[in-house]
Every structure is written in structure tokens, then in C-alpha cells.
Amino acid sequence: VAKSDAQFEQLAAEDPIMKLAKQTLEDLSQDPEARREAWEREEALALYNNSLAASKAEGVLEGMAKTLANLLGLRFGRLPDRVRVRLETATVEQLGVWTQRVLTAKTPDEVFAS
């Protein structure tokens, strides 16, 4: 695999297939429509990757909130709606702190204390 222009040039000089590939890339890079299509593909891929990362982060957050809700329910019984709302709007950092506190808290309010 060529890691520099010089290596790419050398491969193109030694191998007819690489020479054709090099010429094809050069031709495509001169075509405004091909450059636009390549840019659109890169943008679509970036959007997809961002969307995927956001979905994963949302899934982690939702999983942490559900786990903490289950722990709180086991420890303190049925949770009031205000606690459920708090869990649904929490950050990952808050959920992490609260999950640790659930082990030693005597009341749900102690879990959420500042």
C-alpha cells in the first residue's frame, strides 16, 4: 500500500493496473461532478456516523436510567413520577453518581442530593 505520492508514483510505474488506477483517480479529480458526488458521499457518511453515535449514546443513557430505576424500585419500592422524570432528563454523569449512591442511601432523596 502506497503511503506517499512517491510510493504511488513508483507503483504506477511498475504495475500497469496501478498506472490505470492512478490515471483514473487523476481524471476523476478533474471532473467537477465526480468531486461533488465524492463530497456528497463523504457528507452522507459523516451524517450517518454522527447519527449512529448519537443513537448509541441515547441507548446508553436510556439503559443507565432504566437500571437505576430498577435499583431504586428494588430498594425503595414504587417510584413517584417526579423521580421517573428526573431519571429521564438526567445526564450520563448524574446517572453514574446516583447509581453509586443508591447502594448507601436511606431514602430516594439522598440518592439525588447535591
C-alpha atoms as a PDB file:
ATOM      1  CA  VAL A   1       0.000   0.000   0.000  1.00  0.00           C
ATOM      2  CA  ALA A   2       1.371   3.376  -1.016  1.00  0.00           C
ATOM      3  CA  LYS A   3       1.718   5.818   1.882  1.00  0.00           C
ATOM      4  CA  SER A   4       3.125   8.729  -0.085  1.00  0.00           C
ATOM      5  CA  ASP A   5       2.845  10.261  -3.537  1.00  0.00           C
ATOM      6  CA  ALA A   6       6.322   8.986  -4.348  1.00  0.00           C
ATOM      7  CA  GLN A   7       5.356   5.410  -3.468  1.00  0.00           C
ATOM      8  CA  PHE A   8       2.152   5.759  -5.506  1.00  0.00           C
ATOM      9  CA  GLU A   9       4.192   7.024  -8.473  1.00  0.00           C
ATOM     10  CA  GLN A  10       6.593   4.085  -8.125  1.00  0.00           C
ATOM     11  CA  LEU A  11       3.727   1.569  -8.004  1.00  0.00           C
ATOM     12  CA  ALA A  12       2.161   3.177 -11.081  1.00  0.00           C
ATOM     13  CA  ALA A  13       5.477   2.952 -12.949  1.00  0.00           C
ATOM     14  CA  GLU A  14       5.905  -0.749 -12.048  1.00  0.00           C
ATOM     15  CA  ASP A  15       2.372  -2.083 -12.467  1.00  0.00           C
ATOM     16  CA  PRO A  16       0.005  -1.400 -15.400  1.00  0.00           C
ATOM     17  CA  ILE A  17      -3.071  -1.815 -13.172  1.00  0.00           C
ATOM     18  CA  MET A  18      -1.719   0.767 -10.716  1.00  0.00           C
ATOM     19  CA  LYS A  19      -0.922   3.065 -13.639  1.00  0.00           C
ATOM     20  CA  LEU A  20      -4.531   2.786 -14.812  1.00  0.00           C
ATOM     21  CA  ALA A  21      -5.806   3.347 -11.257  1.00  0.00           C
ATOM     22  CA  LYS A  22      -3.623   6.432 -10.890  1.00  0.00           C
ATOM     23  CA  GLN A  23      -4.794   7.850 -14.212  1.00  0.00           C
ATOM     24  CA  THR A  24      -8.435   7.129 -13.337  1.00  0.00           C
ATOM     25  CA  LEU A  25      -8.100   8.913  -9.993  1.00  0.00           C
ATOM     26  CA  GLU A  26      -6.457  11.880 -11.672  1.00  0.00           C
ATOM     27  CA  ASP A  27      -9.246  12.032 -14.278  1.00  0.00           C
ATOM     28  CA  LEU A  28     -11.935  11.820 -11.628  1.00  0.00           C
ATOM     29  CA  SER A  29     -10.319  14.526  -9.528  1.00  0.00           C
ATOM     30  CA  GLN A  30     -10.561  16.885 -12.519  1.00  0.00           C
ATOM     31  CA  ASP A  31     -14.288  16.207 -13.038  1.00  0.00           C
ATOM     32  CA  PRO A  32     -16.414  18.700 -11.027  1.00  0.00           C
ATOM     33  CA  GLU A  33     -19.401  16.346 -10.989  1.00  0.00           C
ATOM     34  CA  ALA A  34     -17.299  13.452  -9.654  1.00  0.00           C
ATOM     35  CA  ARG A  35     -15.822  15.749  -6.978  1.00  0.00           C
ATOM     36  CA  ARG A  36     -19.333  16.874  -6.000  1.00  0.00           C
ATOM     37  CA  GLU A  37     -20.543  13.274  -5.770  1.00  0.00           C
ATOM     38  CA  ALA A  38     -17.499  12.311  -3.690  1.00  0.00           C
ATOM     39  CA  TRP A  39     -18.140  15.265  -1.363  1.00  0.00           C
ATOM     40  CA  GLU A  40     -21.821  14.262  -1.027  1.00  0.00           C
ATOM     41  CA  ARG A  41     -20.811  10.677  -0.191  1.00  0.00           C
ATOM     42  CA  GLU A  42     -18.382  11.918   2.466  1.00  0.00           C
ATOM     43  CA  GLU A  43     -21.042  14.207   3.952  1.00  0.00           C
ATOM     44  CA  ALA A  44     -23.628  11.419   3.961  1.00  0.00           C
ATOM     45  CA  LEU A  45     -21.173   9.068   5.635  1.00  0.00           C
ATOM     46  CA  ALA A  46     -20.315  11.687   8.275  1.00  0.00           C
ATOM     47  CA  LEU A  47     -24.012  12.305   8.921  1.00  0.00           C
ATOM     48  CA  TYR A  48     -24.641   8.571   9.223  1.00  0.00           C
ATOM     49  CA  ASN A  49     -21.716   8.121  11.643  1.00  0.00           C
ATOM     50  CA  ASN A  50     -22.890  11.080  13.754  1.00  0.00           C
ATOM     51  CA  SER A  51     -26.413   9.709  13.804  1.00  0.00           C
ATOM     52  CA  LEU A  52     -25.143   6.273  14.788  1.00  0.00           C
ATOM     53  CA  ALA A  53     -23.020   7.732  17.592  1.00  0.00           C
ATOM     54  CA  ALA A  54     -25.971   9.759  18.851  1.00  0.00           C
ATOM     55  CA  SER A  55     -28.193   6.668  18.798  1.00  0.00           C
ATOM     56  CA  LYS A  56     -25.623   4.687  20.754  1.00  0.00           C
ATOM     57  CA  ALA A  57     -25.241   7.477  23.307  1.00  0.00           C
ATOM     58  CA  GLU A  58     -29.011   7.715  23.645  1.00  0.00           C
ATOM     59  CA  GLY A  59     -29.203   3.957  24.136  1.00  0.00           C
ATOM     60  CA  VAL A  60     -26.541   4.060  26.852  1.00  0.00           C
ATOM     61  CA  LEU A  61     -28.346   6.889  28.624  1.00  0.00           C
ATOM     62  CA  GLU A  62     -31.669   5.080  28.424  1.00  0.00           C
ATOM     63  CA  GLY A  63     -30.116   1.849  29.696  1.00  0.00           C
ATOM     64  CA  MET A  64     -28.482   3.607  32.639  1.00  0.00           C
ATOM     65  CA  ALA A  65     -31.759   5.322  33.545  1.00  0.00           C
ATOM     66  CA  LYS A  66     -33.678   2.032  33.399  1.00  0.00           C
ATOM     67  CA  THR A  67     -31.066   0.261  35.506  1.00  0.00           C
ATOM     68  CA  LEU A  68     -31.150   2.987  38.138  1.00  0.00           C
ATOM     69  CA  ALA A  69     -34.963   2.984  38.119  1.00  0.00           C
ATOM     70  CA  ASN A  70     -34.896  -0.775  38.727  1.00  0.00           C
ATOM     71  CA  LEU A  71     -32.398  -0.417  41.572  1.00  0.00           C
ATOM     72  CA  LEU A  72     -34.384   2.404  43.152  1.00  0.00           C
ATOM     73  CA  GLY A  73     -37.565   0.368  42.836  1.00  0.00           C
ATOM     74  CA  LEU A  74     -35.985  -2.657  44.468  1.00  0.00           C
ATOM     75  CA  ARG A  75     -34.532  -0.573  47.282  1.00  0.00           C
ATOM     76  CA  PHE A  76     -37.362   1.888  47.958  1.00  0.00           C
ATOM     77  CA  GLY A  77     -40.482   0.498  46.305  1.00  0.00           C
ATOM     78  CA  ARG A  78     -42.682   2.197  43.731  1.00  0.00           C
ATOM     79  CA  LEU A  79     -41.100   5.371  42.377  1.00  0.00           C
ATOM     80  CA  PRO A  80     -43.038   8.639  42.244  1.00  0.00           C
ATOM     81  CA  ASP A  81     -43.469  10.254  38.834  1.00  0.00           C
ATOM     82  CA  ARG A  82     -41.128  13.110  39.810  1.00  0.00           C
ATOM     83  CA  VAL A  83     -38.297  10.570  40.256  1.00  0.00           C
ATOM     84  CA  ARG A  84     -39.025   8.957  36.884  1.00  0.00           C
ATOM     85  CA  VAL A  85     -38.975  12.377  35.204  1.00  0.00           C
ATOM     86  CA  ARG A  86     -35.668  13.160  36.880  1.00  0.00           C
ATOM     87  CA  LEU A  87     -34.182   9.911  35.603  1.00  0.00           C
ATOM     88  CA  GLU A  88     -35.439  10.543  32.060  1.00  0.00           C
ATOM     89  CA  THR A  89     -33.847  14.008  31.934  1.00  0.00           C
ATOM     90  CA  ALA A  90     -30.544  13.185  33.628  1.00  0.00           C
ATOM     91  CA  THR A  91     -27.084  13.240  32.100  1.00  0.00           C
ATOM     92  CA  VAL A  92     -24.773  10.234  31.999  1.00  0.00           C
ATOM     93  CA  GLU A  93     -22.677  11.827  34.744  1.00  0.00           C
ATOM     94  CA  GLN A  94     -25.691  12.346  37.023  1.00  0.00           C
ATOM     95  CA  LEU A  95     -26.895   8.788  36.467  1.00  0.00           C
ATOM     96  CA  GLY A  96     -23.451   7.459  37.331  1.00  0.00           C
ATOM     97  CA  VAL A  97     -23.334   9.372  40.622  1.00  0.00           C
ATOM     98  CA  TRP A  98     -26.885   8.417  41.546  1.00  0.00           C
ATOM     99  CA  THR A  99     -26.278   4.755  40.756  1.00  0.00           C
ATOM    100  CA  GLN A 100     -23.377   4.727  43.215  1.00  0.00           C
ATOM    101  CA  ARG A 101     -25.449   6.493  45.869  1.00  0.00           C
ATOM    102  CA  VAL A 102     -28.341   4.028  45.622  1.00  0.00           C
ATOM    103  CA  LEU A 103     -26.186   1.485  47.449  1.00  0.00           C
ATOM    104  CA  THR A 104     -25.890   3.531  50.641  1.00  0.00           C
ATOM    105  CA  ALA A 105     -28.810   5.985  50.574  1.00  0.00           C
ATOM    106  CA  LYS A 106     -31.555   5.578  53.157  1.00  0.00           C
ATOM    107  CA  THR A 107     -34.144   7.425  51.047  1.00  0.00           C
ATOM    108  CA  PRO A 108     -34.625   8.252  47.367  1.00  0.00           C
ATOM    109  CA  ASP A 109     -33.987  11.922  48.203  1.00  0.00           C
ATOM    110  CA  GLU A 110     -30.497  11.015  49.456  1.00  0.00           C
ATOM    111  CA  VAL A 111     -29.749   9.466  46.080  1.00  0.00           C
ATOM    112  CA  PHE A 112     -30.495  12.761  44.331  1.00  0.00           C
ATOM    113  CA  ALA A 113     -28.967  15.126  46.914  1.00  0.00           C
ATOM    114  CA  SER A 114     -26.479  17.638  45.515  1.00  0.00           C
END
